[in-house]
Each structure stands twice: as C-alpha cells, then as structure tokens.
N, C-alpha and C. Protein backbone atom coordinates (compact mmCIF):
# COMPACT_ATOMS: atom_id res chain seq x y z
N MET A 1 118.82 95.69 202.14
CA MET A 1 120.36 96.28 202.14
C MET A 1 120.11 97.66 202.84
N ALA A 2 119.29 98.37 202.46
CA ALA A 2 119.12 99.76 203.02
C ALA A 2 118.80 99.73 204.42
N ASP A 3 117.95 98.60 204.94
CA ASP A 3 117.83 98.38 206.49
C ASP A 3 119.11 98.43 207.24
N ASN A 4 119.97 97.65 206.81
CA ASN A 4 121.44 97.65 207.53
C ASN A 4 122.15 99.01 207.52
N THR A 5 121.89 99.70 206.36
CA THR A 5 122.42 101.22 206.39
C THR A 5 121.75 102.05 207.23
N ASP A 6 120.55 101.86 207.33
CA ASP A 6 119.88 102.92 208.22
C ASP A 6 120.09 102.40 209.71
N LYS A 7 120.43 101.18 210.05
CA LYS A 7 120.92 100.80 211.26
C LYS A 7 122.17 101.33 211.73
N SER A 8 123.13 101.28 210.86
CA SER A 8 124.46 101.67 211.06
C SER A 8 124.48 103.24 211.29
N LYS A 9 123.74 103.90 210.38
CA LYS A 9 123.64 105.43 210.46
C LYS A 9 123.20 105.74 211.81
N GLU A 10 122.00 105.27 212.23
CA GLU A 10 121.53 105.50 213.57
C GLU A 10 122.28 105.09 214.69
N GLY A 11 123.17 103.92 214.73
CA GLY A 11 124.08 103.82 215.78
C GLY A 11 125.08 104.80 215.67
N PHE A 12 125.56 105.32 214.56
CA PHE A 12 126.58 106.38 214.42
C PHE A 12 125.88 107.64 215.02
N LEU A 13 124.92 108.06 214.81
CA LEU A 13 124.35 109.38 215.06
C LEU A 13 123.89 109.28 216.46
N TYR A 14 123.39 108.38 216.99
CA TYR A 14 122.86 108.14 218.33
C TYR A 14 123.45 106.92 219.07
N PRO A 15 124.67 106.89 219.47
CA PRO A 15 125.31 105.88 219.94
C PRO A 15 124.78 105.70 221.54
N ILE A 16 124.56 104.59 221.94
CA ILE A 16 124.13 104.16 223.29
C ILE A 16 125.31 103.37 223.95
N GLY A 17 125.77 103.65 224.94
CA GLY A 17 126.71 103.05 225.78
C GLY A 17 126.15 101.95 226.66
N ARG A 18 126.81 100.73 226.82
CA ARG A 18 126.25 99.82 227.75
C ARG A 18 126.11 100.43 229.30
N TYR A 19 125.13 99.92 229.86
CA TYR A 19 124.97 100.24 231.28
C TYR A 19 125.64 99.25 232.13
N ARG A 20 126.63 99.77 232.95
CA ARG A 20 127.48 98.89 233.79
C ARG A 20 127.24 99.41 235.35
N GLY A 21 126.28 99.91 235.73
CA GLY A 21 126.09 100.32 237.15
C GLY A 21 125.42 99.18 237.71
N GLU A 22 124.74 99.42 238.99
CA GLU A 22 123.82 98.78 239.72
C GLU A 22 122.54 98.61 238.83
N PHE A 23 122.21 97.44 238.68
CA PHE A 23 121.04 97.21 237.68
C PHE A 23 119.69 97.27 238.48
N THR A 24 118.88 98.07 238.01
CA THR A 24 117.32 98.21 238.51
C THR A 24 116.81 98.67 237.27
N PRO A 25 115.40 98.22 237.06
CA PRO A 25 114.92 98.78 235.83
C PRO A 25 114.87 100.37 235.75
N GLU A 26 114.65 101.19 237.09
CA GLU A 26 114.70 102.48 237.14
C GLU A 26 116.15 103.14 236.79
N HIS A 27 117.32 102.34 237.23
CA HIS A 27 118.50 102.98 236.93
C HIS A 27 118.78 102.84 235.22
N LEU A 28 118.32 101.63 234.72
CA LEU A 28 118.47 101.39 233.36
C LEU A 28 117.73 102.53 232.43
N ALA A 29 116.43 102.84 232.97
CA ALA A 29 115.68 103.76 232.21
C ALA A 29 116.06 105.24 232.41
N PHE A 30 116.71 105.60 233.75
CA PHE A 30 117.20 106.80 233.72
C PHE A 30 118.53 107.16 233.02
N ASN A 31 119.39 105.96 232.88
CA ASN A 31 120.64 105.95 232.06
C ASN A 31 120.31 106.08 230.68
N ALA A 32 119.22 105.47 230.06
CA ALA A 32 118.86 105.72 228.71
C ALA A 32 118.47 107.25 228.48
N ASN A 33 117.77 107.77 229.52
CA ASN A 33 117.32 109.25 229.55
C ASN A 33 118.56 110.15 229.45
N LEU A 34 119.40 109.78 230.41
CA LEU A 34 120.63 110.77 230.60
C LEU A 34 121.60 110.54 229.14
N GLN A 35 121.61 109.48 228.64
CA GLN A 35 122.26 109.32 227.30
C GLN A 35 121.51 110.14 226.23
N GLU A 36 120.39 110.05 226.25
CA GLU A 36 119.56 110.98 225.38
C GLU A 36 119.72 112.29 225.40
N PHE A 37 119.71 112.67 226.68
CA PHE A 37 119.97 114.05 227.03
C PHE A 37 121.49 114.53 226.46
N ALA A 38 122.24 113.92 226.76
CA ALA A 38 123.53 114.38 226.31
C ALA A 38 123.73 114.16 224.82
N GLN A 39 123.23 113.26 224.16
CA GLN A 39 123.13 113.39 222.69
C GLN A 39 122.42 114.69 222.09
N ARG A 40 121.38 114.91 222.60
CA ARG A 40 120.49 115.92 222.18
C ARG A 40 121.30 117.36 222.42
N VAL A 41 121.98 117.58 223.72
CA VAL A 41 122.69 118.76 223.93
C VAL A 41 123.79 118.82 223.06
N SER A 42 124.47 117.78 222.93
CA SER A 42 125.64 117.83 221.81
C SER A 42 125.18 118.15 220.44
N LEU A 43 124.12 117.78 219.99
CA LEU A 43 123.54 118.23 218.71
C LEU A 43 123.19 119.63 218.66
N LEU A 44 122.48 120.05 219.86
CA LEU A 44 122.30 121.69 219.94
C LEU A 44 123.36 122.42 219.91
N CYS A 45 124.41 122.04 220.67
CA CYS A 45 125.75 122.82 220.73
C CYS A 45 126.35 122.90 219.25
N GLY A 46 126.38 121.85 218.73
CA GLY A 46 126.85 121.91 217.22
C GLY A 46 126.00 122.88 216.37
N LEU A 47 124.66 122.69 216.49
CA LEU A 47 123.75 123.69 215.64
C LEU A 47 124.07 125.04 216.09
N GLU A 48 124.15 125.46 217.22
CA GLU A 48 124.52 126.68 217.72
C GLU A 48 126.08 127.16 217.18
N THR A 49 126.97 126.27 217.36
CA THR A 49 128.23 126.71 216.97
C THR A 49 128.45 126.94 215.56
N GLY A 50 127.55 126.06 214.63
CA GLY A 50 127.67 126.22 213.16
C GLY A 50 126.73 127.28 212.79
N GLY A 51 125.84 127.94 213.53
CA GLY A 51 125.34 129.23 213.19
C GLY A 51 123.97 128.71 212.79
N LYS A 52 123.54 127.57 212.77
CA LYS A 52 122.12 127.08 212.25
C LYS A 52 121.00 127.52 213.08
N ILE A 53 121.25 127.68 214.66
CA ILE A 53 120.27 128.27 215.56
C ILE A 53 120.92 129.27 216.41
N PRO A 54 120.22 130.38 216.79
CA PRO A 54 120.65 131.33 217.70
C PRO A 54 121.07 130.74 218.99
N PRO A 55 121.85 131.63 219.89
CA PRO A 55 122.33 131.02 221.19
C PRO A 55 121.14 130.92 222.22
N GLY A 56 120.16 131.79 222.04
CA GLY A 56 118.97 131.89 222.86
C GLY A 56 118.22 130.71 222.66
N GLU A 57 117.85 130.22 221.29
CA GLU A 57 117.15 129.19 221.20
C GLU A 57 117.78 127.91 221.70
N ALA A 58 119.12 127.81 221.52
CA ALA A 58 119.92 126.75 222.11
C ALA A 58 119.68 126.65 223.41
N TYR A 59 119.85 127.65 224.12
CA TYR A 59 119.78 127.71 225.66
C TYR A 59 118.38 127.14 226.18
N LYS A 60 117.44 127.71 225.48
CA LYS A 60 115.90 127.44 225.73
C LYS A 60 115.69 125.95 225.63
N GLU A 61 116.33 125.48 224.52
CA GLU A 61 115.99 123.85 224.20
C GLU A 61 116.76 123.08 225.28
N ILE A 62 118.02 123.55 225.71
CA ILE A 62 118.76 122.78 226.57
C ILE A 62 118.25 122.91 227.88
N LYS A 63 117.70 124.02 228.34
CA LYS A 63 116.73 124.16 229.56
C LYS A 63 115.62 123.41 229.71
N ASN A 64 114.87 123.25 228.46
CA ASN A 64 113.74 122.29 228.37
C ASN A 64 114.20 120.74 228.50
N LEU A 65 115.37 120.34 227.74
CA LEU A 65 115.74 119.03 227.99
C LEU A 65 116.13 118.75 229.40
N TRP A 66 116.73 119.81 230.14
CA TRP A 66 117.24 119.73 231.52
C TRP A 66 116.00 119.48 232.42
N GLN A 67 114.85 120.08 232.29
CA GLN A 67 113.65 119.89 232.95
C GLN A 67 113.22 118.68 232.76
N GLN A 68 113.33 118.14 231.64
CA GLN A 68 112.68 116.67 231.32
C GLN A 68 113.47 115.57 232.03
N LEU A 69 114.88 115.86 232.16
CA LEU A 69 115.69 114.97 232.73
C LEU A 69 115.48 115.03 234.32
N ARG A 70 115.36 116.14 234.82
CA ARG A 70 114.99 116.22 236.30
C ARG A 70 113.85 115.63 236.50
N GLU A 71 112.92 115.68 235.73
CA GLU A 71 111.48 115.09 236.06
C GLU A 71 111.73 113.46 236.01
N SER A 72 112.45 113.13 234.87
CA SER A 72 112.98 111.69 234.95
C SER A 72 113.68 111.29 236.11
N LYS A 73 114.48 112.04 236.68
CA LYS A 73 115.17 111.55 237.94
C LYS A 73 114.33 111.44 239.10
N LYS A 74 113.32 112.51 239.23
CA LYS A 74 112.41 112.41 240.40
C LYS A 74 111.51 111.22 240.33
N SER A 75 111.10 110.94 239.05
CA SER A 75 110.05 109.78 238.83
C SER A 75 110.76 108.49 239.03
N LEU A 76 111.81 108.41 238.44
CA LEU A 76 112.60 106.96 238.48
C LEU A 76 113.51 106.79 239.53
N LEU A 77 114.32 107.73 240.15
CA LEU A 77 115.39 107.51 241.02
C LEU A 77 114.79 107.83 242.45
N ASP A 78 114.15 109.13 242.58
CA ASP A 78 113.78 109.58 243.85
C ASP A 78 112.59 108.79 244.56
N GLN A 79 111.82 108.23 243.53
CA GLN A 79 110.63 107.52 243.86
C GLN A 79 111.04 106.23 244.33
N ALA A 80 112.07 105.46 243.80
CA ALA A 80 112.69 104.26 244.15
C ALA A 80 113.11 104.34 245.52
N LYS A 81 113.68 105.41 245.98
CA LYS A 81 114.20 105.59 247.38
C LYS A 81 112.98 105.67 248.39
N ILE A 82 111.77 106.40 248.05
CA ILE A 82 110.74 106.41 248.79
C ILE A 82 110.06 105.05 249.04
N ASP A 83 109.78 104.35 247.96
CA ASP A 83 108.95 103.04 247.84
C ASP A 83 110.05 102.03 247.47
N PRO A 84 110.80 101.55 248.45
CA PRO A 84 111.82 100.35 248.10
C PRO A 84 111.04 99.26 247.78
N PRO A 85 111.61 98.35 246.86
CA PRO A 85 110.84 97.16 246.42
C PRO A 85 110.61 96.20 247.35
N ASP A 86 109.69 95.52 247.43
CA ASP A 86 109.51 94.51 248.51
C ASP A 86 110.39 93.22 248.41
N VAL A 87 111.23 93.16 249.44
CA VAL A 87 112.13 91.87 249.31
C VAL A 87 111.70 91.05 250.29
N PRO A 88 111.56 89.75 250.06
CA PRO A 88 111.17 88.63 250.83
C PRO A 88 112.30 88.57 252.07
N GLU A 89 112.07 88.42 253.14
CA GLU A 89 112.81 88.01 254.35
C GLU A 89 113.34 86.60 254.24
N GLU A 90 114.42 86.22 254.52
CA GLU A 90 114.93 84.92 254.64
C GLU A 90 114.86 84.42 255.97
C-alpha cells in the first residue's frame, strides 16, 4: 500500500506532462530535461521565497541548471541537425 502512496506523492511533486511535439528520441529526451529544469527552478524559487536558502545560492543553482540544460540542447538537438538520421530513399 505504501508503494501506491509513494507513486502518487512522486507524481504530485514531480509532474511530467505528455510530449505532443514532433517525435524523435532526441526531442523526447530534451523535453524530459526541460521539464526537470522547470521543476527544479520552481523548487529553488520556493525555497528562496520561503527564506530557506539565500538569493545568491538560488541564483547559483539556477545558473548551474541552465548550463546543464544548454549542454543537453547542444548534445541532443544541435547534434541532430548536424547528423541527420539515415533515411532510405524511395
């Protein structure tokens, strides 16, 4: 029974929206990274607003998360533009 409660808490705390864009494995992975970025930034903003962490620490953490998201974009989306998948000609 605790397992269902843990799953519902996780779904509440870390909601994941369905991906509705053009499907590629790279787009799906980047979307997951983007949603995680947004969730973590929201959490950091709440902690800072509530006085649990100082503004400078929140800024530093968000900047770090942004750099991770940027690297994710470069490796997943920009690389896909450079190396298009092999598509057989008809």
